[in-house]
Amino acid sequence: MNAGKFYKANVLVLGGDITGKMIVPIIDQGNGTYKCNYTGSEMTIKSKEEAEALAKTIRDSGYYPYFCEPKEVEEMNANKELVDKLFKRLMVEGVQGWMRLAEERLKGTGISCYISPGNDDIFEIDEVLSSSSYVINPEEKVVDIDGDHEMITLGYTNHTPWNSPREVDEEVLERKIEAMASKLKDPKTAIWNIHVPPIDTPIDQAPKLDPTLKPVISGGHMVMISAGSVATRKSIEKYQPLIGIHGHIHESKGIVKIGRTMCFNPGSEYGEGILRGLLCDLEGDKIKSYMLTSG
């Protein structure tokens, strides 16, 4: 929320995978202490203040702290549906909180804010994103950024080993991108805000996984494969937009040029408390300057 002001940017774009990956119970023991299993170790917290401080650390790591009692934990361990219901509620409430914060901090600044879902995000958050009076959800739309640049956005991806909510066949991706790209007034000044990067590039390299979803190691090194999208690459080659901004594959921070199009993936290290980003200055059909940021 502070990045626009800090970097003196007039447009903020957050391109998907905005919800947390895990619930971390903080269990009230009934005697003023709490127990919590976090980062692989069982912790005993001696006060409510310490528990609140831990909750903030958990939140900052991209997870959902959840205060509860031992009986509720037992019930959830015995019933996966209760966990799924809670997880969805925490995701929706989390996004609602961020939308309120965006309106408080950004209204009156002149900074536009675009936030869209990614393949990891449940469909229940779409209504929250689209109901904001300030934040714009550009998913599957052509939006005019500043009078000179249009942006198309897609959070869906090709299939992954994780079976996330928004995964489709390449043919579906191609149709979705084409439906937006065909409506552009001028592709050479357009922004491709496509979550999944183009295939066979330095920005789509991900660890190869075995059937148990563990990385494959060969010769002491992790085996990497191209996990990007054929449809994304095909559309960039066809329309040659000004810029492609991508994410999805956290390990592949980098820049690649496809024809005249500069494609970026800032990578992700949110679990370490690091915010990766791209700062870019556009003028007409030119990229005046760019910088991958870390803060």
C-alpha atoms as a PDB file:
ATOM      1  CA  MET A   1       0.000   0.000   0.000  1.00  0.00           C
ATOM      2  CA  ASN A   2       2.955   2.345   0.574  1.00  0.00           C
ATOM      3  CA  ALA A   3       4.824   1.339  -2.595  1.00  0.00           C
ATOM      4  CA  GLY A   4       3.160   3.954  -4.809  1.00  0.00           C
ATOM      5  CA  LYS A   5       4.150   6.807  -2.537  1.00  0.00           C
ATOM      6  CA  PHE A   6       7.622   5.375  -1.845  1.00  0.00           C
ATOM      7  CA  TYR A   7       8.512   4.823  -5.513  1.00  0.00           C
ATOM      8  CA  LYS A   8       6.514   7.852  -6.748  1.00  0.00           C
ATOM      9  CA  ALA A   9       4.382   5.603  -8.964  1.00  0.00           C
ATOM     10  CA  ASN A  10       0.919   6.650 -10.114  1.00  0.00           C
ATOM     11  CA  VAL A  11      -0.359   3.109 -10.813  1.00  0.00           C
ATOM     12  CA  LEU A  12      -0.144   0.003  -8.609  1.00  0.00           C
ATOM     13  CA  VAL A  13      -0.747  -3.459 -10.080  1.00  0.00           C
ATOM     14  CA  LEU A  14      -0.945  -6.593  -7.929  1.00  0.00           C
ATOM     15  CA  GLY A  15      -1.325  -9.511 -10.303  1.00  0.00           C
ATOM     16  CA  GLY A  16      -2.733 -12.435  -8.384  1.00  0.00           C
ATOM     17  CA  ASP A  17      -2.009 -15.024  -5.698  1.00  0.00           C
ATOM     18  CA  ILE A  18      -3.062 -12.583  -3.012  1.00  0.00           C
ATOM     19  CA  THR A  19      -4.463 -14.980  -0.401  1.00  0.00           C
ATOM     20  CA  GLY A  20      -2.595 -16.958   2.272  1.00  0.00           C
ATOM     21  CA  LYS A  21      -1.564 -20.580   2.016  1.00  0.00           C
ATOM     22  CA  MET A  22      -2.120 -21.922   5.531  1.00  0.00           C
ATOM     23  CA  ILE A  23      -3.975 -21.500   8.843  1.00  0.00           C
ATOM     24  CA  VAL A  24      -1.772 -21.433  11.963  1.00  0.00           C
ATOM     25  CA  PRO A  25      -3.845 -22.117  15.110  1.00  0.00           C
ATOM     26  CA  ILE A  26      -2.880 -20.266  18.284  1.00  0.00           C
ATOM     27  CA  ILE A  27      -4.526 -22.423  20.949  1.00  0.00           C
ATOM     28  CA  ASP A  28      -5.751 -20.889  24.206  1.00  0.00           C
ATOM     29  CA  GLN A  29      -4.827 -23.203  27.071  1.00  0.00           C
ATOM     30  CA  GLY A  30      -7.285 -21.546  29.471  1.00  0.00           C
ATOM     31  CA  ASN A  31      -4.632 -20.474  31.976  1.00  0.00           C
ATOM     32  CA  GLY A  32      -3.316 -17.363  30.253  1.00  0.00           C
ATOM     33  CA  THR A  33      -0.912 -19.274  28.015  1.00  0.00           C
ATOM     34  CA  TYR A  34      -1.151 -20.397  24.383  1.00  0.00           C
ATOM     35  CA  LYS A  35       0.325 -23.156  22.262  1.00  0.00           C
ATOM     36  CA  CYS A  36       1.241 -22.860  18.599  1.00  0.00           C
ATOM     37  CA  ASN A  37       3.010 -25.076  16.080  1.00  0.00           C
ATOM     38  CA  TYR A  38       4.818 -22.673  13.781  1.00  0.00           C
ATOM     39  CA  THR A  39       7.883 -23.158  11.552  1.00  0.00           C
ATOM     40  CA  GLY A  40       7.995 -26.808  12.571  1.00  0.00           C
ATOM     41  CA  SER A  41       8.301 -26.341  16.325  1.00  0.00           C
ATOM     42  CA  GLU A  42       5.811 -26.409  19.194  1.00  0.00           C
ATOM     43  CA  MET A  43       5.764 -23.074  20.981  1.00  0.00           C
ATOM     44  CA  THR A  44       4.376 -22.080  24.380  1.00  0.00           C
ATOM     45  CA  ILE A  45       3.355 -18.419  24.565  1.00  0.00           C
ATOM     46  CA  LYS A  46       3.088 -16.971  28.048  1.00  0.00           C
ATOM     47  CA  SER A  47       0.750 -14.014  27.535  1.00  0.00           C
ATOM     48  CA  LYS A  48      -1.937 -12.509  25.299  1.00  0.00           C
ATOM     49  CA  GLU A  49       0.519  -9.766  24.270  1.00  0.00           C
ATOM     50  CA  GLU A  50       3.104 -12.325  23.123  1.00  0.00           C
ATOM     51  CA  ALA A  51       0.375 -14.237  21.278  1.00  0.00           C
ATOM     52  CA  GLU A  52      -0.705 -11.070  19.432  1.00  0.00           C
ATOM     53  CA  ALA A  53       2.922 -10.371  18.466  1.00  0.00           C
ATOM     54  CA  LEU A  54       3.243 -13.918  17.111  1.00  0.00           C
ATOM     55  CA  ALA A  55      -0.016 -13.497  15.188  1.00  0.00           C
ATOM     56  CA  LYS A  56       1.442 -10.426  13.471  1.00  0.00           C
ATOM     57  CA  THR A  57       4.583 -12.380  12.507  1.00  0.00           C
ATOM     58  CA  ILE A  58       2.435 -15.188  11.094  1.00  0.00           C
ATOM     59  CA  ARG A  59       0.312 -12.687   9.153  1.00  0.00           C
ATOM     60  CA  ASP A  60       3.393 -10.973   7.739  1.00  0.00           C
ATOM     61  CA  SER A  61       4.610 -14.364   6.484  1.00  0.00           C
ATOM     62  CA  GLY A  62       1.490 -14.784   4.360  1.00  0.00           C
ATOM     63  CA  TYR A  63      -0.396 -17.161   6.656  1.00  0.00           C
ATOM     64  CA  TYR A  64      -3.562 -16.844   8.746  1.00  0.00           C
ATOM     65  CA  PRO A  65      -3.192 -16.890  12.539  1.00  0.00           C
ATOM     66  CA  TYR A  66      -6.330 -18.237  14.195  1.00  0.00           C
ATOM     67  CA  PHE A  67      -7.080 -17.993  17.923  1.00  0.00           C
ATOM     68  CA  CYS A  68      -9.041 -20.998  19.126  1.00  0.00           C
ATOM     69  CA  GLU A  69      -9.493 -23.529  21.944  1.00  0.00           C
ATOM     70  CA  PRO A  70      -8.319 -27.179  22.078  1.00  0.00           C
ATOM     71  CA  LYS A  71     -11.837 -28.531  21.465  1.00  0.00           C
ATOM     72  CA  GLU A  72     -12.172 -26.620  18.186  1.00  0.00           C
ATOM     73  CA  VAL A  73      -8.804 -27.952  17.006  1.00  0.00           C
ATOM     74  CA  GLU A  74      -9.961 -31.512  17.758  1.00  0.00           C
ATOM     75  CA  GLU A  75     -13.165 -30.934  15.779  1.00  0.00           C
ATOM     76  CA  MET A  76     -11.269 -29.556  12.795  1.00  0.00           C
ATOM     77  CA  ASN A  77      -8.751 -32.428  12.883  1.00  0.00           C
ATOM     78  CA  ALA A  78     -11.702 -34.820  12.660  1.00  0.00           C
ATOM     79  CA  ASN A  79     -13.596 -32.916   9.943  1.00  0.00           C
ATOM     80  CA  LYS A  80     -11.795 -31.513   6.893  1.00  0.00           C
ATOM     81  CA  GLU A  81     -14.935 -29.664   5.795  1.00  0.00           C
ATOM     82  CA  LEU A  82     -14.706 -27.457   8.890  1.00  0.00           C
ATOM     83  CA  VAL A  83     -11.112 -26.570   7.970  1.00  0.00           C
ATOM     84  CA  ASP A  84     -12.078 -25.740   4.374  1.00  0.00           C
ATOM     85  CA  LYS A  85     -14.975 -23.559   5.533  1.00  0.00           C
ATOM     86  CA  LEU A  86     -12.741 -21.685   7.993  1.00  0.00           C
ATOM     87  CA  PHE A  87      -9.969 -21.291   5.408  1.00  0.00           C
ATOM     88  CA  LYS A  88     -12.370 -19.704   2.897  1.00  0.00           C
ATOM     89  CA  ARG A  89     -13.773 -17.383   5.563  1.00  0.00           C
ATOM     90  CA  LEU A  90     -10.311 -16.213   6.608  1.00  0.00           C
ATOM     91  CA  MET A  91      -9.328 -15.623   2.974  1.00  0.00           C
ATOM     92  CA  VAL A  92     -12.424 -13.533   2.264  1.00  0.00           C
ATOM     93  CA  GLU A  93     -12.072 -11.569   5.510  1.00  0.00           C
ATOM     94  CA  GLY A  94      -8.397 -10.973   4.766  1.00  0.00           C
ATOM     95  CA  VAL A  95      -9.122  -9.540   1.320  1.00  0.00           C
ATOM     96  CA  GLN A  96     -11.951  -7.412   2.759  1.00  0.00           C
ATOM     97  CA  GLY A  97      -9.485  -5.961   5.263  1.00  0.00           C
ATOM     98  CA  TRP A  98      -6.986  -5.120   2.537  1.00  0.00           C
ATOM     99  CA  MET A  99      -9.671  -3.442   0.437  1.00  0.00           C
ATOM    100  CA  ARG A 100     -10.620  -1.226   3.388  1.00  0.00           C
ATOM    101  CA  LEU A 101      -6.964  -0.391   3.991  1.00  0.00           C
ATOM    102  CA  ALA A 102      -6.423   0.457   0.312  1.00  0.00           C
ATOM    103  CA  GLU A 103      -9.332   2.876   0.373  1.00  0.00           C
ATOM    104  CA  GLU A 104      -8.066   4.519   3.578  1.00  0.00           C
ATOM    105  CA  ARG A 105      -4.476   4.901   2.419  1.00  0.00           C
ATOM    106  CA  LEU A 106      -4.826   5.555  -1.298  1.00  0.00           C
ATOM    107  CA  LYS A 107      -7.950   7.704  -1.623  1.00  0.00           C
ATOM    108  CA  GLY A 108      -6.966  11.238  -2.514  1.00  0.00           C
ATOM    109  CA  THR A 109      -3.400  10.290  -3.507  1.00  0.00           C
ATOM    110  CA  GLY A 110      -4.090  10.108  -7.241  1.00  0.00           C
ATOM    111  CA  ILE A 111      -2.633   6.564  -7.254  1.00  0.00           C
ATOM    112  CA  SER A 112      -4.700   3.988  -9.164  1.00  0.00           C
ATOM    113  CA  CYS A 113      -4.753   0.459  -7.737  1.00  0.00           C
ATOM    114  CA  TYR A 114      -5.483  -2.702  -9.736  1.00  0.00           C
ATOM    115  CA  ILE A 115      -5.728  -6.028  -7.891  1.00  0.00           C
ATOM    116  CA  SER A 116      -6.740  -9.278  -9.576  1.00  0.00           C
ATOM    117  CA  PRO A 117      -6.895 -12.937  -8.514  1.00  0.00           C
ATOM    118  CA  GLY A 118      -4.313 -15.568  -9.468  1.00  0.00           C
ATOM    119  CA  ASN A 119      -4.547 -19.299  -9.964  1.00  0.00           C
ATOM    120  CA  ASP A 120      -4.094 -19.959  -6.219  1.00  0.00           C
ATOM    121  CA  ASP A 121      -7.005 -17.715  -5.230  1.00  0.00           C
ATOM    122  CA  ILE A 122     -10.478 -19.064  -4.538  1.00  0.00           C
ATOM    123  CA  PHE A 123     -13.409 -17.680  -6.553  1.00  0.00           C
ATOM    124  CA  GLU A 124     -15.111 -16.402  -3.388  1.00  0.00           C
ATOM    125  CA  ILE A 125     -12.746 -13.392  -3.271  1.00  0.00           C
ATOM    126  CA  ASP A 126     -13.828 -12.083  -6.706  1.00  0.00           C
ATOM    127  CA  GLU A 127     -16.943 -10.407  -5.343  1.00  0.00           C
ATOM    128  CA  VAL A 128     -14.858  -8.665  -2.656  1.00  0.00           C
ATOM    129  CA  LEU A 129     -12.354  -7.363  -5.217  1.00  0.00           C
ATOM    130  CA  SER A 130     -15.103  -6.138  -7.528  1.00  0.00           C
ATOM    131  CA  SER A 131     -17.132  -4.458  -4.755  1.00  0.00           C
ATOM    132  CA  SER A 132     -14.419  -1.992  -3.721  1.00  0.00           C
ATOM    133  CA  SER A 133     -15.133   1.681  -4.321  1.00  0.00           C
ATOM    134  CA  TYR A 134     -11.439   2.349  -4.976  1.00  0.00           C
ATOM    135  CA  VAL A 135      -9.537  -0.789  -5.997  1.00  0.00           C
ATOM    136  CA  ILE A 136     -10.216  -1.995  -9.546  1.00  0.00           C
ATOM    137  CA  ASN A 137     -10.407  -5.694 -10.371  1.00  0.00           C
ATOM    138  CA  PRO A 138      -9.287  -5.837 -14.036  1.00  0.00           C
ATOM    139  CA  GLU A 139      -9.628  -9.616 -14.439  1.00  0.00           C
ATOM    140  CA  GLU A 140     -10.536 -10.619 -18.033  1.00  0.00           C
ATOM    141  CA  LYS A 141     -11.061  -6.970 -19.020  1.00  0.00           C
ATOM    142  CA  VAL A 142      -9.441  -4.319 -21.167  1.00  0.00           C
ATOM    143  CA  VAL A 143      -8.816  -1.309 -18.927  1.00  0.00           C
ATOM    144  CA  ASP A 144      -7.485   2.118 -19.862  1.00  0.00           C
ATOM    145  CA  ILE A 145      -4.636   2.891 -17.460  1.00  0.00           C
ATOM    146  CA  ASP A 146      -3.822   6.501 -18.296  1.00  0.00           C
ATOM    147  CA  GLY A 147      -5.262   7.419 -21.667  1.00  0.00           C
ATOM    148  CA  ASP A 148      -2.139   6.103 -23.433  1.00  0.00           C
ATOM    149  CA  HIS A 149      -1.901   2.503 -22.230  1.00  0.00           C
ATOM    150  CA  GLU A 150      -4.496  -0.254 -22.081  1.00  0.00           C
ATOM    151  CA  MET A 151      -4.029  -3.355 -19.924  1.00  0.00           C
ATOM    152  CA  ILE A 152      -5.407  -6.865 -20.256  1.00  0.00           C
ATOM    153  CA  THR A 153      -5.400  -9.132 -17.205  1.00  0.00           C
ATOM    154  CA  LEU A 154      -5.712 -12.874 -16.670  1.00  0.00           C
ATOM    155  CA  GLY A 155      -5.141 -14.785 -13.429  1.00  0.00           C
ATOM    156  CA  TYR A 156      -5.847 -18.251 -14.845  1.00  0.00           C
ATOM    157  CA  THR A 157      -2.893 -20.541 -15.632  1.00  0.00           C
ATOM    158  CA  ASN A 158      -2.131 -23.771 -17.398  1.00  0.00           C
ATOM    159  CA  HIS A 159      -2.210 -26.923 -15.268  1.00  0.00           C
ATOM    160  CA  THR A 160       0.178 -27.343 -12.318  1.00  0.00           C
ATOM    161  CA  PRO A 161       0.906 -30.225  -9.929  1.00  0.00           C
ATOM    162  CA  TRP A 162      -0.999 -28.340  -7.218  1.00  0.00           C
ATOM    163  CA  ASN A 163      -4.472 -28.483  -8.793  1.00  0.00           C
ATOM    164  CA  SER A 164      -5.203 -24.885  -7.792  1.00  0.00           C
ATOM    165  CA  PRO A 165      -8.626 -23.236  -8.339  1.00  0.00           C
ATOM    166  CA  ARG A 166      -7.938 -21.405 -11.624  1.00  0.00           C
ATOM    167  CA  GLU A 167      -6.178 -23.900 -13.875  1.00  0.00           C
ATOM    168  CA  VAL A 168      -7.368 -24.599 -17.424  1.00  0.00           C
ATOM    169  CA  ASP A 169      -6.136 -26.128 -20.679  1.00  0.00           C
ATOM    170  CA  GLU A 170      -3.905 -24.044 -22.933  1.00  0.00           C
ATOM    171  CA  GLU A 171      -6.711 -23.760 -25.488  1.00  0.00           C
ATOM    172  CA  VAL A 172      -8.916 -22.074 -22.881  1.00  0.00           C
ATOM    173  CA  LEU A 173      -6.112 -19.687 -21.916  1.00  0.00           C
ATOM    174  CA  GLU A 174      -5.635 -18.792 -25.561  1.00  0.00           C
ATOM    175  CA  ARG A 175      -9.337 -18.027 -26.011  1.00  0.00           C
ATOM    176  CA  LYS A 176      -9.445 -15.887 -22.881  1.00  0.00           C
ATOM    177  CA  ILE A 177      -6.390 -13.845 -23.892  1.00  0.00           C
ATOM    178  CA  GLU A 178      -7.600 -13.471 -27.485  1.00  0.00           C
ATOM    179  CA  ALA A 179     -11.022 -12.253 -26.313  1.00  0.00           C
ATOM    180  CA  MET A 180      -9.308  -9.298 -24.616  1.00  0.00           C
ATOM    181  CA  ALA A 181      -6.417  -8.695 -27.020  1.00  0.00           C
ATOM    182  CA  SER A 182      -8.748  -8.457 -30.033  1.00  0.00           C
ATOM    183  CA  LYS A 183     -10.476  -5.458 -28.401  1.00  0.00           C
ATOM    184  CA  LEU A 184      -7.312  -3.387 -27.911  1.00  0.00           C
ATOM    185  CA  LYS A 185      -7.094  -0.067 -29.726  1.00  0.00           C
ATOM    186  CA  ASP A 186      -3.299  -0.239 -30.063  1.00  0.00           C
ATOM    187  CA  PRO A 187      -1.450  -3.441 -29.002  1.00  0.00           C
ATOM    188  CA  LYS A 188       1.972  -1.798 -29.306  1.00  0.00           C
ATOM    189  CA  THR A 189       1.221   0.387 -26.254  1.00  0.00           C
ATOM    190  CA  ALA A 190      -0.584  -2.362 -24.307  1.00  0.00           C
ATOM    191  CA  ILE A 191       0.298  -4.067 -21.030  1.00  0.00           C
ATOM    192  CA  TRP A 192      -0.048  -7.862 -20.787  1.00  0.00           C
ATOM    193  CA  ASN A 193      -0.875  -8.448 -17.086  1.00  0.00           C
ATOM    194  CA  ILE A 194      -0.935 -12.220 -17.529  1.00  0.00           C
ATOM    195  CA  HIS A 195      -0.234 -14.178 -14.335  1.00  0.00           C
ATOM    196  CA  VAL A 196       1.486 -17.132 -16.009  1.00  0.00           C
ATOM    197  CA  PRO A 197       4.687 -16.193 -17.883  1.00  0.00           C
ATOM    198  CA  PRO A 198       5.494 -17.287 -21.458  1.00  0.00           C
ATOM    199  CA  ILE A 199       6.889 -20.800 -21.803  1.00  0.00           C
ATOM    200  CA  ASP A 200      10.558 -21.594 -22.522  1.00  0.00           C
ATOM    201  CA  THR A 201      11.980 -18.415 -21.047  1.00  0.00           C
ATOM    202  CA  PRO A 202      14.228 -17.546 -18.079  1.00  0.00           C
ATOM    203  CA  ILE A 203      11.146 -16.300 -16.207  1.00  0.00           C
ATOM    204  CA  ASP A 204       9.183 -19.578 -16.257  1.00  0.00           C
ATOM    205  CA  GLN A 205      11.696 -21.977 -14.675  1.00  0.00           C
ATOM    206  CA  ALA A 206      10.284 -24.026 -11.783  1.00  0.00           C
ATOM    207  CA  PRO A 207      11.538 -27.066  -9.842  1.00  0.00           C
ATOM    208  CA  LYS A 208      10.586 -30.411 -11.348  1.00  0.00           C
ATOM    209  CA  LEU A 209       8.504 -32.381  -8.838  1.00  0.00           C
ATOM    210  CA  ASP A 210       8.254 -36.110  -8.220  1.00  0.00           C
ATOM    211  CA  PRO A 211       4.867 -37.860  -7.630  1.00  0.00           C
ATOM    212  CA  THR A 212       5.020 -36.856  -3.934  1.00  0.00           C
ATOM    213  CA  LEU A 213       5.433 -33.180  -4.952  1.00  0.00           C
ATOM    214  CA  LYS A 214       9.029 -33.032  -3.745  1.00  0.00           C
ATOM    215  CA  PRO A 215      11.728 -31.376  -5.914  1.00  0.00           C
ATOM    216  CA  VAL A 216      13.774 -33.742  -8.077  1.00  0.00           C
ATOM    217  CA  ILE A 217      17.498 -33.589  -7.292  1.00  0.00           C
ATOM    218  CA  SER A 218      20.130 -34.727  -9.784  1.00  0.00           C
ATOM    219  CA  GLY A 219      23.884 -34.431  -9.322  1.00  0.00           C
ATOM    220  CA  GLY A 220      23.296 -32.442  -6.151  1.00  0.00           C
ATOM    221  CA  HIS A 221      21.261 -29.824  -7.993  1.00  0.00           C
ATOM    222  CA  MET A 222      17.539 -29.169  -8.240  1.00  0.00           C
ATOM    223  CA  VAL A 223      16.172 -30.075 -11.679  1.00  0.00           C
ATOM    224  CA  MET A 224      14.328 -27.129 -13.282  1.00  0.00           C
ATOM    225  CA  ILE A 225      11.694 -27.247 -16.023  1.00  0.00           C
ATOM    226  CA  SER A 226       9.716 -24.713 -18.064  1.00  0.00           C
ATOM    227  CA  ALA A 227       6.317 -24.268 -16.435  1.00  0.00           C
ATOM    228  CA  GLY A 228       5.033 -21.249 -18.354  1.00  0.00           C
ATOM    229  CA  SER A 229       2.228 -21.048 -20.872  1.00  0.00           C
ATOM    230  CA  VAL A 230       2.208 -21.719 -24.601  1.00  0.00           C
ATOM    231  CA  ALA A 231      -0.846 -19.462 -24.936  1.00  0.00           C
ATOM    232  CA  THR A 232       0.860 -16.548 -23.185  1.00  0.00           C
ATOM    233  CA  ARG A 233       3.886 -16.802 -25.443  1.00  0.00           C
ATOM    234  CA  LYS A 234       1.789 -17.249 -28.581  1.00  0.00           C
ATOM    235  CA  SER A 235      -0.260 -14.126 -27.809  1.00  0.00           C
ATOM    236  CA  ILE A 236       2.857 -12.034 -27.122  1.00  0.00           C
ATOM    237  CA  GLU A 237       4.442 -13.176 -30.377  1.00  0.00           C
ATOM    238  CA  LYS A 238       1.233 -12.363 -32.259  1.00  0.00           C
ATOM    239  CA  TYR A 239       0.381  -8.948 -30.779  1.00  0.00           C
ATOM    240  CA  GLN A 240       3.830  -7.727 -29.620  1.00  0.00           C
ATOM    241  CA  PRO A 241       2.541  -5.606 -26.713  1.00  0.00           C
ATOM    242  CA  LEU A 242       4.756  -3.019 -25.051  1.00  0.00           C
ATOM    243  CA  ILE A 243       5.265  -4.984 -21.845  1.00  0.00           C
ATOM    244  CA  GLY A 244       4.380  -8.279 -20.171  1.00  0.00           C
ATOM    245  CA  ILE A 245       4.104  -8.358 -16.368  1.00  0.00           C
ATOM    246  CA  HIS A 246       3.974 -11.858 -14.934  1.00  0.00           C
ATOM    247  CA  GLY A 247       4.280 -13.775 -11.663  1.00  0.00           C
ATOM    248  CA  HIS A 248       3.092 -17.286 -10.767  1.00  0.00           C
ATOM    249  CA  ILE A 249       6.570 -18.861 -10.657  1.00  0.00           C
ATOM    250  CA  HIS A 250       8.270 -17.488  -7.558  1.00  0.00           C
ATOM    251  CA  GLU A 251      11.732 -18.869  -8.324  1.00  0.00           C
ATOM    252  CA  SER A 252      12.111 -17.173 -11.722  1.00  0.00           C
ATOM    253  CA  LYS A 253      12.865 -13.530 -11.078  1.00  0.00           C
ATOM    254  CA  GLY A 254      14.066 -12.018 -14.323  1.00  0.00           C
ATOM    255  CA  ILE A 255      13.541 -10.222 -17.614  1.00  0.00           C
ATOM    256  CA  VAL A 256      13.213 -11.579 -21.150  1.00  0.00           C
ATOM    257  CA  LYS A 257      12.526 -10.004 -24.523  1.00  0.00           C
ATOM    258  CA  ILE A 258      10.180 -11.681 -27.003  1.00  0.00           C
ATOM    259  CA  GLY A 259      10.384  -9.693 -30.222  1.00  0.00           C
ATOM    260  CA  ARG A 260       9.818  -6.082 -29.153  1.00  0.00           C
ATOM    261  CA  THR A 261       7.997  -7.073 -25.943  1.00  0.00           C
ATOM    262  CA  MET A 262       9.820  -6.841 -22.603  1.00  0.00           C
ATOM    263  CA  CYS A 263       8.502  -9.445 -20.167  1.00  0.00           C
ATOM    264  CA  PHE A 264       9.131  -9.269 -16.417  1.00  0.00           C
ATOM    265  CA  ASN A 265       8.772 -11.591 -13.431  1.00  0.00           C
ATOM    266  CA  PRO A 266       9.845  -9.933 -10.163  1.00  0.00           C
ATOM    267  CA  GLY A 267       9.796 -13.278  -8.343  1.00  0.00           C
ATOM    268  CA  SER A 268       8.412 -13.715  -4.839  1.00  0.00           C
ATOM    269  CA  GLU A 269       9.887 -14.079  -1.378  1.00  0.00           C
ATOM    270  CA  TYR A 270       6.887 -13.065   0.716  1.00  0.00           C
ATOM    271  CA  GLY A 271       7.584 -15.908   3.159  1.00  0.00           C
ATOM    272  CA  GLU A 272      10.850 -14.190   4.096  1.00  0.00           C
ATOM    273  CA  GLY A 273       9.116 -10.844   4.546  1.00  0.00           C
ATOM    274  CA  ILE A 274      10.527  -9.460   1.277  1.00  0.00           C
ATOM    275  CA  LEU A 275       8.295  -7.623  -1.177  1.00  0.00           C
ATOM    276  CA  ARG A 276       9.489  -8.109  -4.757  1.00  0.00           C
ATOM    277  CA  GLY A 277       8.211  -5.796  -7.446  1.00  0.00           C
ATOM    278  CA  LEU A 278       8.746  -4.044 -10.762  1.00  0.00           C
ATOM    279  CA  LEU A 279       9.027  -0.282 -11.133  1.00  0.00           C
ATOM    280  CA  CYS A 280       8.441   0.759 -14.733  1.00  0.00           C
ATOM    281  CA  ASP A 281       8.146   4.131 -16.480  1.00  0.00           C
ATOM    282  CA  LEU A 282       6.118   3.973 -19.702  1.00  0.00           C
ATOM    283  CA  GLU A 283       5.811   6.697 -22.320  1.00  0.00           C
ATOM    284  CA  GLY A 284       3.770   5.995 -25.449  1.00  0.00           C
ATOM    285  CA  ASP A 285       5.107   2.842 -27.098  1.00  0.00           C
ATOM    286  CA  LYS A 286       8.405   3.028 -25.209  1.00  0.00           C
ATOM    287  CA  ILE A 287       9.638   1.754 -21.840  1.00  0.00           C
ATOM    288  CA  LYS A 288      11.662   4.719 -20.603  1.00  0.00           C
ATOM    289  CA  SER A 289      13.129   2.881 -17.602  1.00  0.00           C
ATOM    290  CA  TYR A 290      12.601  -0.177 -15.433  1.00  0.00           C
ATOM    291  CA  MET A 291      13.933  -1.671 -12.221  1.00  0.00           C
ATOM    292  CA  LEU A 292      13.202  -4.857 -10.297  1.00  0.00           C
ATOM    293  CA  THR A 293      12.667  -3.789  -6.696  1.00  0.00           C
ATOM    294  CA  SER A 294      13.056  -5.448  -3.301  1.00  0.00           C
ATOM    295  CA  GLY A 295      11.893  -4.049  -0.007  1.00  0.00           C
END
